[in-house]
Amino acid sequence: METTYYSHGTPAERWERARMFFDARDYYAAARVLEGLVDEVPEQTGPRLLLARAYYHSAQLRRAEAELHTIVERDPVECYARLLLGRTLQRQGRHTEAEPHLRIAAALSGDFAEV
């Protein structure tokens, strides 16, 4: 297996590298690091959610949607994943599909004015 910059280091080091890329708004590079990390630790929500956010911000909306569906299937009350899933669907023009996720996110966050 060839080691690249994106896959080099321990999971903790790659997590930090991905966060640095994300914070620098290099969403594509963050996604490259996080893809391998999510494959390695698929049960962890944090890397998968950051991967979904990187995909969202780099307009890879289908990929973001797939990651977010995985998160909400595992944890139906993950508020931010619900919100981002709704926003991802909205950006794709799928407003009817987005509405239930946005309502659930609003309810989970206590923002009943939006429900």
N, C-alpha and C. Protein backbone atom coordinates (compact mmCIF):
# COMPACT_ATOMS: atom_id res chain seq x y z
N MET A 1 0.83 -1.17 0.00
CA MET A 1 0.00 0.00 0.00
C MET A 1 0.89 1.25 0.00
N GLU A 2 0.65 2.15 -0.91
CA GLU A 2 1.42 3.38 -1.01
C GLU A 2 0.87 4.41 -0.03
N THR A 3 1.77 5.02 0.73
CA THR A 3 1.37 6.04 1.68
C THR A 3 1.45 7.40 1.00
N THR A 4 0.39 8.15 1.11
CA THR A 4 0.38 9.50 0.57
C THR A 4 0.25 10.49 1.72
N TYR A 5 0.37 11.75 1.39
CA TYR A 5 0.22 12.78 2.40
C TYR A 5 -1.15 12.69 3.08
N TYR A 6 -2.16 12.33 2.32
CA TYR A 6 -3.52 12.29 2.85
C TYR A 6 -3.74 11.10 3.79
N SER A 7 -2.97 10.05 3.64
CA SER A 7 -3.18 8.85 4.47
C SER A 7 -2.05 8.63 5.48
N HIS A 8 -1.07 9.50 5.50
CA HIS A 8 0.09 9.34 6.38
C HIS A 8 -0.27 9.69 7.82
N GLY A 9 0.25 8.90 8.76
CA GLY A 9 0.11 9.20 10.18
C GLY A 9 -0.96 8.38 10.87
N THR A 10 -1.04 8.62 12.17
CA THR A 10 -2.03 7.93 12.98
C THR A 10 -3.41 8.52 12.70
N PRO A 11 -4.47 7.83 13.10
CA PRO A 11 -5.81 8.42 12.93
C PRO A 11 -5.93 9.79 13.59
N ALA A 12 -5.34 9.97 14.77
CA ALA A 12 -5.41 11.27 15.45
C ALA A 12 -4.68 12.35 14.64
N GLU A 13 -3.54 12.01 14.07
CA GLU A 13 -2.81 12.97 13.24
C GLU A 13 -3.59 13.33 11.97
N ARG A 14 -4.21 12.34 11.37
CA ARG A 14 -5.01 12.60 10.17
C ARG A 14 -6.25 13.42 10.50
N TRP A 15 -6.85 13.18 11.66
CA TRP A 15 -8.00 13.98 12.10
C TRP A 15 -7.58 15.44 12.22
N GLU A 16 -6.45 15.69 12.86
CA GLU A 16 -5.96 17.06 13.01
C GLU A 16 -5.65 17.69 11.65
N ARG A 17 -5.03 16.91 10.75
CA ARG A 17 -4.71 17.41 9.42
C ARG A 17 -6.00 17.77 8.67
N ALA A 18 -6.99 16.92 8.77
CA ALA A 18 -8.27 17.18 8.10
C ALA A 18 -8.92 18.44 8.66
N ARG A 19 -8.87 18.61 9.96
CA ARG A 19 -9.45 19.82 10.58
C ARG A 19 -8.70 21.07 10.14
N MET A 20 -7.39 20.97 10.01
CA MET A 20 -6.62 22.12 9.54
C MET A 20 -7.03 22.48 8.10
N PHE A 21 -7.15 21.49 7.24
CA PHE A 21 -7.60 21.75 5.87
C PHE A 21 -8.99 22.36 5.88
N PHE A 22 -9.88 21.80 6.68
CA PHE A 22 -11.25 22.30 6.74
C PHE A 22 -11.27 23.75 7.24
N ASP A 23 -10.55 24.02 8.31
CA ASP A 23 -10.49 25.37 8.86
C ASP A 23 -9.90 26.37 7.87
N ALA A 24 -9.00 25.89 6.99
CA ALA A 24 -8.41 26.74 5.96
C ALA A 24 -9.30 26.81 4.71
N ARG A 25 -10.45 26.19 4.79
CA ARG A 25 -11.44 26.16 3.69
C ARG A 25 -10.94 25.42 2.45
N ASP A 26 -10.02 24.47 2.68
CA ASP A 26 -9.59 23.58 1.60
C ASP A 26 -10.39 22.30 1.78
N TYR A 27 -11.65 22.38 1.39
CA TYR A 27 -12.60 21.29 1.65
C TYR A 27 -12.27 20.03 0.86
N TYR A 28 -11.73 20.20 -0.33
CA TYR A 28 -11.36 19.04 -1.13
C TYR A 28 -10.25 18.24 -0.44
N ALA A 29 -9.21 18.93 0.04
CA ALA A 29 -8.11 18.24 0.73
C ALA A 29 -8.61 17.62 2.04
N ALA A 30 -9.48 18.32 2.75
CA ALA A 30 -10.03 17.76 3.99
C ALA A 30 -10.78 16.47 3.68
N ALA A 31 -11.55 16.48 2.62
CA ALA A 31 -12.30 15.27 2.24
C ALA A 31 -11.36 14.13 1.89
N ARG A 32 -10.26 14.42 1.22
CA ARG A 32 -9.31 13.37 0.85
C ARG A 32 -8.75 12.69 2.10
N VAL A 33 -8.44 13.47 3.12
CA VAL A 33 -7.93 12.90 4.36
C VAL A 33 -9.03 12.11 5.07
N LEU A 34 -10.21 12.70 5.13
CA LEU A 34 -11.31 12.10 5.90
C LEU A 34 -11.86 10.84 5.26
N GLU A 35 -11.80 10.71 3.95
CA GLU A 35 -12.31 9.50 3.30
C GLU A 35 -11.61 8.26 3.84
N GLY A 36 -10.29 8.31 3.94
CA GLY A 36 -9.55 7.18 4.48
C GLY A 36 -9.82 6.96 5.95
N LEU A 37 -9.95 8.06 6.68
CA LEU A 37 -10.22 7.96 8.11
C LEU A 37 -11.59 7.35 8.38
N VAL A 38 -12.59 7.74 7.61
CA VAL A 38 -13.93 7.18 7.78
C VAL A 38 -13.93 5.69 7.43
N ASP A 39 -13.16 5.31 6.41
CA ASP A 39 -13.05 3.88 6.08
C ASP A 39 -12.43 3.10 7.23
N GLU A 40 -11.50 3.73 7.91
CA GLU A 40 -10.79 3.07 9.00
C GLU A 40 -11.62 2.99 10.28
N VAL A 41 -12.38 4.04 10.58
CA VAL A 41 -13.19 4.09 11.80
C VAL A 41 -14.64 4.44 11.44
N PRO A 42 -15.32 3.56 10.72
CA PRO A 42 -16.67 3.89 10.22
C PRO A 42 -17.71 4.10 11.31
N GLU A 43 -17.45 3.61 12.51
CA GLU A 43 -18.42 3.74 13.59
C GLU A 43 -18.40 5.12 14.24
N GLN A 44 -17.37 5.91 14.00
CA GLN A 44 -17.25 7.22 14.64
C GLN A 44 -17.99 8.29 13.84
N THR A 45 -18.81 9.05 14.53
CA THR A 45 -19.63 10.08 13.88
C THR A 45 -18.82 11.31 13.51
N GLY A 46 -17.89 11.73 14.34
CA GLY A 46 -17.15 12.97 14.10
C GLY A 46 -16.48 13.05 12.74
N PRO A 47 -15.65 12.07 12.38
CA PRO A 47 -15.01 12.13 11.06
C PRO A 47 -16.02 12.08 9.91
N ARG A 48 -17.05 11.28 10.05
CA ARG A 48 -18.06 11.16 8.99
C ARG A 48 -18.82 12.48 8.83
N LEU A 49 -19.13 13.13 9.94
CA LEU A 49 -19.85 14.40 9.86
C LEU A 49 -18.97 15.49 9.25
N LEU A 50 -17.70 15.52 9.62
CA LEU A 50 -16.80 16.50 9.02
C LEU A 50 -16.61 16.20 7.53
N LEU A 51 -16.57 14.93 7.16
CA LEU A 51 -16.49 14.56 5.74
C LEU A 51 -17.72 15.06 5.00
N ALA A 52 -18.89 14.87 5.57
CA ALA A 52 -20.12 15.35 4.95
C ALA A 52 -20.09 16.87 4.79
N ARG A 53 -19.58 17.56 5.79
CA ARG A 53 -19.48 19.02 5.71
C ARG A 53 -18.49 19.44 4.62
N ALA A 54 -17.37 18.72 4.52
CA ALA A 54 -16.39 19.03 3.47
C ALA A 54 -17.00 18.81 2.09
N TYR A 55 -17.73 17.72 1.94
CA TYR A 55 -18.42 17.47 0.66
C TYR A 55 -19.44 18.57 0.38
N TYR A 56 -20.20 18.96 1.38
CA TYR A 56 -21.21 20.01 1.21
C TYR A 56 -20.57 21.31 0.74
N HIS A 57 -19.51 21.71 1.41
CA HIS A 57 -18.86 22.98 1.09
C HIS A 57 -18.11 22.94 -0.24
N SER A 58 -17.78 21.75 -0.71
CA SER A 58 -17.11 21.64 -2.01
C SER A 58 -18.10 21.22 -3.11
N ALA A 59 -19.39 21.36 -2.80
CA ALA A 59 -20.49 21.09 -3.75
C ALA A 59 -20.52 19.65 -4.26
N GLN A 60 -20.06 18.73 -3.44
CA GLN A 60 -20.19 17.31 -3.75
C GLN A 60 -21.43 16.81 -2.99
N LEU A 61 -22.57 17.28 -3.45
CA LEU A 61 -23.81 17.15 -2.67
C LEU A 61 -24.30 15.71 -2.56
N ARG A 62 -24.16 14.92 -3.59
CA ARG A 62 -24.59 13.51 -3.50
C ARG A 62 -23.75 12.75 -2.48
N ARG A 63 -22.46 13.04 -2.45
CA ARG A 63 -21.59 12.39 -1.47
C ARG A 63 -21.94 12.85 -0.05
N ALA A 64 -22.18 14.14 0.10
CA ALA A 64 -22.59 14.66 1.41
C ALA A 64 -23.87 13.99 1.87
N GLU A 65 -24.83 13.89 0.96
CA GLU A 65 -26.11 13.27 1.28
C GLU A 65 -25.92 11.83 1.73
N ALA A 66 -25.08 11.07 1.06
CA ALA A 66 -24.86 9.67 1.42
C ALA A 66 -24.27 9.56 2.83
N GLU A 67 -23.29 10.38 3.14
CA GLU A 67 -22.69 10.34 4.48
C GLU A 67 -23.70 10.74 5.54
N LEU A 68 -24.49 11.76 5.26
CA LEU A 68 -25.48 12.23 6.24
C LEU A 68 -26.58 11.20 6.46
N HIS A 69 -27.00 10.51 5.41
CA HIS A 69 -27.99 9.45 5.58
C HIS A 69 -27.44 8.35 6.50
N THR A 70 -26.17 8.02 6.32
CA THR A 70 -25.55 7.00 7.18
C THR A 70 -25.58 7.46 8.64
N ILE A 71 -25.27 8.71 8.88
CA ILE A 71 -25.26 9.24 10.25
C ILE A 71 -26.65 9.19 10.86
N VAL A 72 -27.66 9.69 10.16
CA VAL A 72 -29.00 9.75 10.76
C VAL A 72 -29.64 8.37 10.86
N GLU A 73 -29.22 7.41 10.03
CA GLU A 73 -29.70 6.04 10.21
C GLU A 73 -29.17 5.47 11.51
N ARG A 74 -27.92 5.77 11.83
CA ARG A 74 -27.30 5.26 13.06
C ARG A 74 -27.74 6.03 14.29
N ASP A 75 -27.94 7.34 14.13
CA ASP A 75 -28.28 8.21 15.25
C ASP A 75 -29.36 9.20 14.80
N PRO A 76 -30.62 8.79 14.88
CA PRO A 76 -31.72 9.62 14.37
C PRO A 76 -31.86 10.98 15.05
N VAL A 77 -31.26 11.18 16.21
CA VAL A 77 -31.37 12.45 16.90
C VAL A 77 -30.10 13.29 16.80
N GLU A 78 -29.26 13.00 15.83
CA GLU A 78 -28.06 13.82 15.57
C GLU A 78 -28.54 15.08 14.87
N CYS A 79 -28.71 16.12 15.65
CA CYS A 79 -29.35 17.37 15.21
C CYS A 79 -28.64 18.02 14.02
N TYR A 80 -27.33 18.19 14.13
CA TYR A 80 -26.61 18.89 13.06
C TYR A 80 -26.64 18.10 11.76
N ALA A 81 -26.55 16.77 11.85
CA ALA A 81 -26.62 15.94 10.64
C ALA A 81 -27.98 16.10 9.97
N ARG A 82 -29.04 16.17 10.77
CA ARG A 82 -30.39 16.39 10.22
C ARG A 82 -30.46 17.74 9.51
N LEU A 83 -29.94 18.77 10.16
CA LEU A 83 -29.96 20.11 9.57
C LEU A 83 -29.18 20.13 8.26
N LEU A 84 -27.98 19.59 8.28
CA LEU A 84 -27.14 19.60 7.08
C LEU A 84 -27.74 18.74 5.98
N LEU A 85 -28.38 17.63 6.35
CA LEU A 85 -29.05 16.82 5.34
C LEU A 85 -30.17 17.61 4.68
N GLY A 86 -30.95 18.31 5.49
CA GLY A 86 -32.01 19.15 4.92
C GLY A 86 -31.45 20.21 4.00
N ARG A 87 -30.38 20.87 4.41
CA ARG A 87 -29.77 21.91 3.58
C ARG A 87 -29.16 21.33 2.31
N THR A 88 -28.59 20.14 2.42
CA THR A 88 -28.02 19.47 1.25
C THR A 88 -29.11 19.16 0.23
N LEU A 89 -30.23 18.65 0.72
CA LEU A 89 -31.35 18.35 -0.17
C LEU A 89 -31.91 19.63 -0.79
N GLN A 90 -31.98 20.71 -0.01
CA GLN A 90 -32.45 21.99 -0.54
C GLN A 90 -31.54 22.47 -1.67
N ARG A 91 -30.24 22.37 -1.49
CA ARG A 91 -29.30 22.82 -2.52
C ARG A 91 -29.45 22.02 -3.81
N GLN A 92 -30.00 20.83 -3.70
CA GLN A 92 -30.24 20.00 -4.88
C GLN A 92 -31.64 20.23 -5.45
N GLY A 93 -32.37 21.18 -4.87
CA GLY A 93 -33.72 21.49 -5.34
C GLY A 93 -34.76 20.49 -4.88
N ARG A 94 -34.46 19.70 -3.86
CA ARG A 94 -35.35 18.65 -3.37
C ARG A 94 -35.99 19.11 -2.06
N HIS A 95 -36.76 20.20 -2.16
CA HIS A 95 -37.33 20.86 -0.98
C HIS A 95 -38.31 19.98 -0.20
N THR A 96 -39.10 19.20 -0.89
CA THR A 96 -40.07 18.33 -0.21
C THR A 96 -39.35 17.29 0.65
N GLU A 97 -38.27 16.73 0.13
CA GLU A 97 -37.49 15.75 0.89
C GLU A 97 -36.75 16.41 2.05
N ALA A 98 -36.37 17.66 1.88
CA ALA A 98 -35.61 18.38 2.90
C ALA A 98 -36.45 18.73 4.11
N GLU A 99 -37.71 19.04 3.89
CA GLU A 99 -38.58 19.57 4.94
C GLU A 99 -38.63 18.71 6.22
N PRO A 100 -38.84 17.39 6.13
CA PRO A 100 -38.89 16.61 7.38
C PRO A 100 -37.59 16.68 8.18
N HIS A 101 -36.46 16.69 7.49
CA HIS A 101 -35.17 16.74 8.20
C HIS A 101 -34.98 18.10 8.87
N LEU A 102 -35.39 19.16 8.21
CA LEU A 102 -35.28 20.49 8.79
C LEU A 102 -36.22 20.64 9.99
N ARG A 103 -37.41 20.06 9.91
CA ARG A 103 -38.35 20.11 11.03
C ARG A 103 -37.81 19.35 12.24
N ILE A 104 -37.27 18.18 11.99
CA ILE A 104 -36.70 17.38 13.08
C ILE A 104 -35.52 18.12 13.71
N ALA A 105 -34.66 18.69 12.89
CA ALA A 105 -33.51 19.45 13.41
C ALA A 105 -33.98 20.61 14.26
N ALA A 106 -35.00 21.32 13.81
CA ALA A 106 -35.53 22.46 14.57
C ALA A 106 -36.10 21.98 15.90
N ALA A 107 -36.84 20.90 15.87
CA ALA A 107 -37.42 20.37 17.10
C ALA A 107 -36.34 19.90 18.07
N LEU A 108 -35.32 19.23 17.56
CA LEU A 108 -34.25 18.73 18.42
C LEU A 108 -33.44 19.86 19.04
N SER A 109 -33.33 20.97 18.33
CA SER A 109 -32.55 22.10 18.85
C SER A 109 -33.40 23.02 19.72
N GLY A 110 -34.71 22.74 19.81
CA GLY A 110 -35.58 23.56 20.61
C GLY A 110 -36.07 24.81 19.91
N ASP A 111 -35.83 24.89 18.62
CA ASP A 111 -36.23 26.05 17.82
C ASP A 111 -37.63 25.80 17.23
N PHE A 112 -38.62 25.85 18.11
CA PHE A 112 -39.98 25.51 17.71
C PHE A 112 -40.62 26.55 16.80
N ALA A 113 -40.07 27.76 16.72
CA ALA A 113 -40.62 28.78 15.85
C ALA A 113 -40.49 28.37 14.37
N GLU A 114 -39.51 27.53 14.08
CA GLU A 114 -39.26 27.10 12.70
C GLU A 114 -40.04 25.85 12.34
N VAL A 115 -40.63 25.18 13.29
CA VAL A 115 -41.31 23.90 13.04
C VAL A 115 -42.68 24.15 12.46
